[in-house]
Amino acid sequence: MPDLANADSTVQCTHGGSCTATKKISKVKAKGAKLIPKGTKYAVSGCSLPPPIVANGPCVMGQGASQPLKKVKSGGKKVAAKKTKWTCTPTGSKAKIADTQSKVKGK
């Protein structure tokens, strides 16, 4: 099974900002945390990219799960995985995920 992204997964923009998912799937948990559905946006805080004139930062929002898992769903929704690509706005920078879970248990 591929590595699943959950609410406790560490997601950061390339400038070190922390990304927090704005939506979570409550029916299934991975590593004790809710899974992240396709199309989830991430609020970014702590991005070190300078604002305009010097650069085009900081990253404010990230769009996740643009390439969700095709066969893994929770509550009828596709879920995000480590291979999923995240892009931050307004900078267009990428966000990267670490700390994923490869096994889930259902009740």
N, C-alpha and C. Protein backbone atom coordinates (compact mmCIF):
# COMPACT_ATOMS: atom_id res chain seq x y z
N MET A 1 0.85 -1.19 0.00
CA MET A 1 0.00 0.00 0.00
C MET A 1 0.89 1.24 0.00
N PRO A 2 0.54 2.27 -0.78
CA PRO A 2 1.32 3.50 -0.81
C PRO A 2 1.22 4.25 0.50
N ASP A 3 2.16 5.15 0.71
CA ASP A 3 2.16 5.96 1.93
C ASP A 3 1.05 7.00 1.88
N LEU A 4 0.17 6.97 2.89
CA LEU A 4 -0.98 7.87 2.96
C LEU A 4 -0.64 9.14 3.74
N ALA A 5 -1.18 10.26 3.28
CA ALA A 5 -1.03 11.52 3.99
C ALA A 5 -2.14 11.62 5.03
N ASN A 6 -1.79 11.98 6.26
CA ASN A 6 -2.81 12.19 7.27
C ASN A 6 -2.63 13.55 7.90
N ALA A 7 -3.52 13.91 8.79
CA ALA A 7 -3.52 15.25 9.39
C ALA A 7 -2.25 15.52 10.19
N ASP A 8 -1.55 14.47 10.62
CA ASP A 8 -0.31 14.66 11.37
C ASP A 8 0.93 14.61 10.49
N SER A 9 0.76 14.37 9.18
CA SER A 9 1.91 14.34 8.27
C SER A 9 2.57 15.72 8.23
N THR A 10 3.88 15.73 8.13
CA THR A 10 4.62 16.98 8.04
C THR A 10 4.65 17.41 6.58
N VAL A 11 4.05 18.57 6.30
CA VAL A 11 4.06 19.13 4.95
C VAL A 11 4.68 20.52 5.06
N GLN A 12 5.68 20.79 4.21
CA GLN A 12 6.35 22.08 4.25
C GLN A 12 6.54 22.62 2.84
N CYS A 13 6.49 23.96 2.72
CA CYS A 13 6.84 24.58 1.45
C CYS A 13 8.37 24.53 1.34
N THR A 14 8.88 24.81 0.17
CA THR A 14 10.33 24.71 -0.03
C THR A 14 11.12 25.75 0.76
N HIS A 15 10.43 26.69 1.38
CA HIS A 15 11.10 27.72 2.16
C HIS A 15 10.97 27.47 3.67
N GLY A 16 10.50 26.29 4.03
CA GLY A 16 10.41 25.91 5.44
C GLY A 16 9.11 26.25 6.13
N GLY A 17 8.12 26.76 5.41
CA GLY A 17 6.83 27.07 6.02
C GLY A 17 6.04 25.80 6.31
N SER A 18 5.29 25.79 7.39
CA SER A 18 4.46 24.64 7.76
C SER A 18 3.10 24.74 7.10
N CYS A 19 2.64 23.61 6.55
CA CYS A 19 1.36 23.56 5.86
C CYS A 19 0.37 22.74 6.70
N THR A 20 -0.80 23.30 6.95
CA THR A 20 -1.83 22.64 7.74
C THR A 20 -3.06 22.41 6.88
N ALA A 21 -3.52 21.17 6.79
CA ALA A 21 -4.68 20.83 5.97
C ALA A 21 -5.94 21.50 6.50
N THR A 22 -6.78 22.00 5.58
CA THR A 22 -8.03 22.64 5.97
C THR A 22 -9.21 21.67 5.97
N LYS A 23 -9.03 20.47 5.36
CA LYS A 23 -10.08 19.43 5.36
C LYS A 23 -9.47 18.11 5.77
N LYS A 24 -10.27 17.31 6.43
CA LYS A 24 -9.83 15.99 6.85
C LYS A 24 -11.00 15.02 6.71
N ILE A 25 -10.68 13.75 6.47
CA ILE A 25 -11.70 12.70 6.38
C ILE A 25 -11.78 12.03 7.74
N SER A 26 -12.95 12.01 8.35
CA SER A 26 -13.05 11.50 9.71
C SER A 26 -13.32 10.00 9.83
N LYS A 27 -13.76 9.34 8.76
CA LYS A 27 -14.15 7.94 8.87
C LYS A 27 -12.99 6.97 9.03
N VAL A 28 -11.86 7.26 8.42
CA VAL A 28 -10.70 6.37 8.50
C VAL A 28 -9.50 7.16 8.98
N LYS A 29 -8.73 6.56 9.86
CA LYS A 29 -7.53 7.22 10.37
C LYS A 29 -6.30 6.40 10.02
N ALA A 30 -5.20 7.08 9.83
CA ALA A 30 -3.91 6.45 9.60
C ALA A 30 -2.97 6.98 10.67
N LYS A 31 -2.36 6.10 11.41
CA LYS A 31 -1.45 6.49 12.49
C LYS A 31 -2.19 7.33 13.51
N GLY A 32 -3.50 7.07 13.67
CA GLY A 32 -4.31 7.77 14.66
C GLY A 32 -4.81 9.14 14.22
N ALA A 33 -4.51 9.55 12.97
CA ALA A 33 -4.92 10.87 12.51
C ALA A 33 -5.80 10.74 11.26
N LYS A 34 -6.67 11.70 11.07
CA LYS A 34 -7.59 11.70 9.93
C LYS A 34 -6.82 11.82 8.61
N LEU A 35 -7.35 11.17 7.56
CA LEU A 35 -6.74 11.24 6.23
C LEU A 35 -7.08 12.56 5.56
N ILE A 36 -6.32 12.89 4.52
CA ILE A 36 -6.49 14.14 3.78
C ILE A 36 -7.13 13.82 2.43
N PRO A 37 -8.29 14.45 2.10
CA PRO A 37 -8.95 14.17 0.82
C PRO A 37 -8.37 14.95 -0.36
N LYS A 38 -8.70 14.47 -1.57
CA LYS A 38 -8.32 15.13 -2.81
C LYS A 38 -8.81 16.58 -2.81
N GLY A 39 -8.01 17.48 -3.33
CA GLY A 39 -8.41 18.87 -3.47
C GLY A 39 -8.27 19.70 -2.21
N THR A 40 -7.70 19.15 -1.17
CA THR A 40 -7.54 19.87 0.09
C THR A 40 -6.58 21.04 -0.06
N LYS A 41 -6.94 22.14 0.56
CA LYS A 41 -6.05 23.30 0.61
C LYS A 41 -5.31 23.28 1.94
N TYR A 42 -4.12 23.84 1.92
CA TYR A 42 -3.29 23.91 3.12
C TYR A 42 -2.99 25.36 3.44
N ALA A 43 -3.16 25.74 4.69
CA ALA A 43 -2.76 27.07 5.15
C ALA A 43 -1.27 26.99 5.45
N VAL A 44 -0.49 27.94 4.93
CA VAL A 44 0.96 27.94 5.12
C VAL A 44 1.33 29.03 6.11
N SER A 45 2.15 28.67 7.09
CA SER A 45 2.65 29.66 8.05
C SER A 45 4.16 29.50 8.19
N GLY A 46 4.85 30.60 8.41
CA GLY A 46 6.29 30.56 8.64
C GLY A 46 7.14 30.47 7.39
N CYS A 47 6.59 30.77 6.21
CA CYS A 47 7.37 30.75 4.97
C CYS A 47 8.41 31.87 5.01
N SER A 48 9.64 31.54 4.67
CA SER A 48 10.73 32.53 4.76
C SER A 48 10.99 33.27 3.46
N LEU A 49 10.22 33.00 2.40
CA LEU A 49 10.43 33.70 1.12
C LEU A 49 9.98 35.16 1.27
N PRO A 50 10.88 36.12 0.95
CA PRO A 50 10.53 37.54 1.10
C PRO A 50 9.40 37.97 0.17
N PRO A 51 8.70 39.06 0.54
CA PRO A 51 7.61 39.58 -0.29
C PRO A 51 8.13 40.27 -1.57
N PRO A 52 7.19 40.73 -2.44
CA PRO A 52 7.57 41.37 -3.70
C PRO A 52 8.60 42.49 -3.56
N ILE A 53 9.21 42.71 -4.61
CA ILE A 53 10.39 43.51 -4.90
C ILE A 53 11.63 42.64 -4.69
N VAL A 54 11.72 41.96 -3.56
CA VAL A 54 12.85 41.05 -3.33
C VAL A 54 12.53 39.68 -3.94
N ALA A 55 11.32 39.17 -3.72
CA ALA A 55 10.88 37.87 -4.24
C ALA A 55 9.36 37.92 -4.40
N ASN A 56 8.71 36.77 -4.54
CA ASN A 56 7.24 36.76 -4.71
C ASN A 56 6.54 36.05 -3.56
N GLY A 57 7.12 36.09 -2.38
CA GLY A 57 6.58 35.38 -1.23
C GLY A 57 5.78 36.27 -0.32
N PRO A 58 5.42 35.76 0.79
CA PRO A 58 5.61 34.38 1.23
C PRO A 58 4.50 33.47 0.70
N CYS A 59 4.73 32.15 0.81
CA CYS A 59 3.69 31.18 0.47
C CYS A 59 2.56 31.36 1.49
N VAL A 60 1.32 31.38 1.02
CA VAL A 60 0.17 31.61 1.89
C VAL A 60 -0.74 30.39 1.95
N MET A 61 -0.97 29.77 0.80
CA MET A 61 -1.87 28.64 0.70
C MET A 61 -1.22 27.58 -0.18
N GLY A 62 -1.52 26.34 0.11
CA GLY A 62 -1.04 25.24 -0.71
C GLY A 62 -2.23 24.43 -1.19
N GLN A 63 -2.15 23.94 -2.43
CA GLN A 63 -3.20 23.10 -2.97
C GLN A 63 -2.67 21.68 -3.01
N GLY A 64 -3.35 20.79 -2.34
CA GLY A 64 -2.88 19.42 -2.26
C GLY A 64 -3.71 18.43 -3.03
N ALA A 65 -3.16 17.23 -3.12
CA ALA A 65 -3.85 16.08 -3.71
C ALA A 65 -4.22 16.27 -5.17
N SER A 66 -3.34 16.92 -5.94
CA SER A 66 -3.61 17.07 -7.37
C SER A 66 -3.48 15.74 -8.10
N GLN A 67 -2.73 14.79 -7.50
CA GLN A 67 -2.61 13.44 -8.05
C GLN A 67 -2.91 12.44 -6.94
N PRO A 68 -4.18 12.27 -6.58
CA PRO A 68 -4.52 11.37 -5.48
C PRO A 68 -4.36 9.91 -5.87
N LEU A 69 -4.43 9.06 -4.88
CA LEU A 69 -4.42 7.63 -5.13
C LEU A 69 -5.69 7.25 -5.89
N LYS A 70 -5.56 6.40 -6.87
CA LYS A 70 -6.72 6.05 -7.69
C LYS A 70 -7.61 5.01 -7.04
N LYS A 71 -7.04 4.10 -6.27
CA LYS A 71 -7.82 2.99 -5.74
C LYS A 71 -8.09 3.08 -4.25
N VAL A 72 -7.56 4.09 -3.58
CA VAL A 72 -7.76 4.21 -2.13
C VAL A 72 -8.73 5.36 -1.87
N LYS A 73 -9.84 5.02 -1.21
CA LYS A 73 -10.84 6.02 -0.88
C LYS A 73 -11.25 5.89 0.58
N SER A 74 -11.73 6.97 1.13
CA SER A 74 -12.28 6.98 2.48
C SER A 74 -13.53 7.84 2.45
N GLY A 75 -14.63 7.28 2.89
CA GLY A 75 -15.89 8.02 2.84
C GLY A 75 -16.26 8.41 1.42
N GLY A 76 -15.85 7.59 0.43
CA GLY A 76 -16.14 7.88 -0.97
C GLY A 76 -15.23 8.91 -1.60
N LYS A 77 -14.25 9.42 -0.86
CA LYS A 77 -13.35 10.44 -1.37
C LYS A 77 -11.95 9.87 -1.57
N LYS A 78 -11.30 10.27 -2.65
CA LYS A 78 -9.93 9.86 -2.88
C LYS A 78 -9.03 10.55 -1.85
N VAL A 79 -7.95 9.87 -1.48
CA VAL A 79 -7.06 10.41 -0.45
C VAL A 79 -5.69 10.75 -1.01
N ALA A 80 -5.01 11.65 -0.32
CA ALA A 80 -3.68 12.09 -0.72
C ALA A 80 -2.62 11.09 -0.26
N ALA A 81 -1.50 11.07 -0.96
CA ALA A 81 -0.40 10.18 -0.63
C ALA A 81 0.92 10.95 -0.73
N LYS A 82 1.98 10.29 -0.30
CA LYS A 82 3.30 10.93 -0.33
C LYS A 82 3.68 11.35 -1.75
N LYS A 83 3.26 10.57 -2.77
CA LYS A 83 3.60 10.91 -4.14
C LYS A 83 2.79 12.10 -4.67
N THR A 84 1.78 12.53 -3.96
CA THR A 84 0.94 13.65 -4.36
C THR A 84 1.79 14.92 -4.46
N LYS A 85 1.47 15.75 -5.42
CA LYS A 85 2.21 17.01 -5.58
C LYS A 85 1.40 18.16 -5.01
N TRP A 86 2.05 19.00 -4.22
CA TRP A 86 1.42 20.19 -3.66
C TRP A 86 2.08 21.41 -4.27
N THR A 87 1.28 22.43 -4.53
CA THR A 87 1.80 23.69 -5.07
C THR A 87 1.29 24.82 -4.19
N CYS A 88 2.19 25.76 -3.88
CA CYS A 88 1.84 26.89 -3.01
C CYS A 88 1.47 28.12 -3.84
N THR A 89 0.58 28.94 -3.29
CA THR A 89 0.23 30.22 -3.89
C THR A 89 0.61 31.33 -2.92
N PRO A 90 0.95 32.49 -3.36
CA PRO A 90 1.02 32.95 -4.74
C PRO A 90 2.36 32.65 -5.42
N THR A 91 3.25 31.93 -4.79
CA THR A 91 4.62 31.76 -5.28
C THR A 91 4.79 30.71 -6.37
N GLY A 92 3.91 29.71 -6.43
CA GLY A 92 4.07 28.61 -7.38
C GLY A 92 5.09 27.59 -6.92
N SER A 93 5.61 27.76 -5.71
CA SER A 93 6.59 26.83 -5.15
C SER A 93 5.94 25.50 -4.81
N LYS A 94 6.75 24.48 -4.72
CA LYS A 94 6.26 23.16 -4.36
C LYS A 94 6.28 22.97 -2.85
N ALA A 95 5.41 22.12 -2.38
CA ALA A 95 5.41 21.71 -0.97
C ALA A 95 5.75 20.23 -0.95
N LYS A 96 6.39 19.79 0.10
CA LYS A 96 6.83 18.41 0.20
C LYS A 96 6.28 17.79 1.47
N ILE A 97 6.01 16.49 1.41
CA ILE A 97 5.44 15.79 2.55
C ILE A 97 6.44 14.76 3.09
N ALA A 98 6.43 14.64 4.39
CA ALA A 98 7.20 13.60 5.07
C ALA A 98 6.25 12.93 6.06
N ASP A 99 6.71 11.96 6.78
CA ASP A 99 5.90 11.33 7.83
C ASP A 99 4.55 10.83 7.33
N THR A 100 4.56 9.81 6.51
CA THR A 100 3.31 9.23 6.03
C THR A 100 3.09 7.87 6.68
N GLN A 101 1.94 7.28 6.42
CA GLN A 101 1.58 5.99 7.01
C GLN A 101 1.24 5.02 5.90
N SER A 102 1.79 3.80 5.96
CA SER A 102 1.52 2.85 4.89
C SER A 102 0.47 1.80 5.25
N LYS A 103 0.03 1.76 6.49
CA LYS A 103 -1.00 0.78 6.89
C LYS A 103 -2.13 1.49 7.60
N VAL A 104 -3.35 1.02 7.39
CA VAL A 104 -4.51 1.57 8.09
C VAL A 104 -5.31 0.43 8.68
N LYS A 105 -6.07 0.76 9.72
CA LYS A 105 -6.98 -0.20 10.34
C LYS A 105 -8.37 0.41 10.35
N GLY A 106 -9.35 -0.39 10.07
CA GLY A 106 -10.73 0.07 10.14
C GLY A 106 -11.47 -0.60 11.29
N LYS A 107 -12.51 0.05 11.75
CA LYS A 107 -13.33 -0.50 12.83
C LYS A 107 -14.70 -0.84 12.31
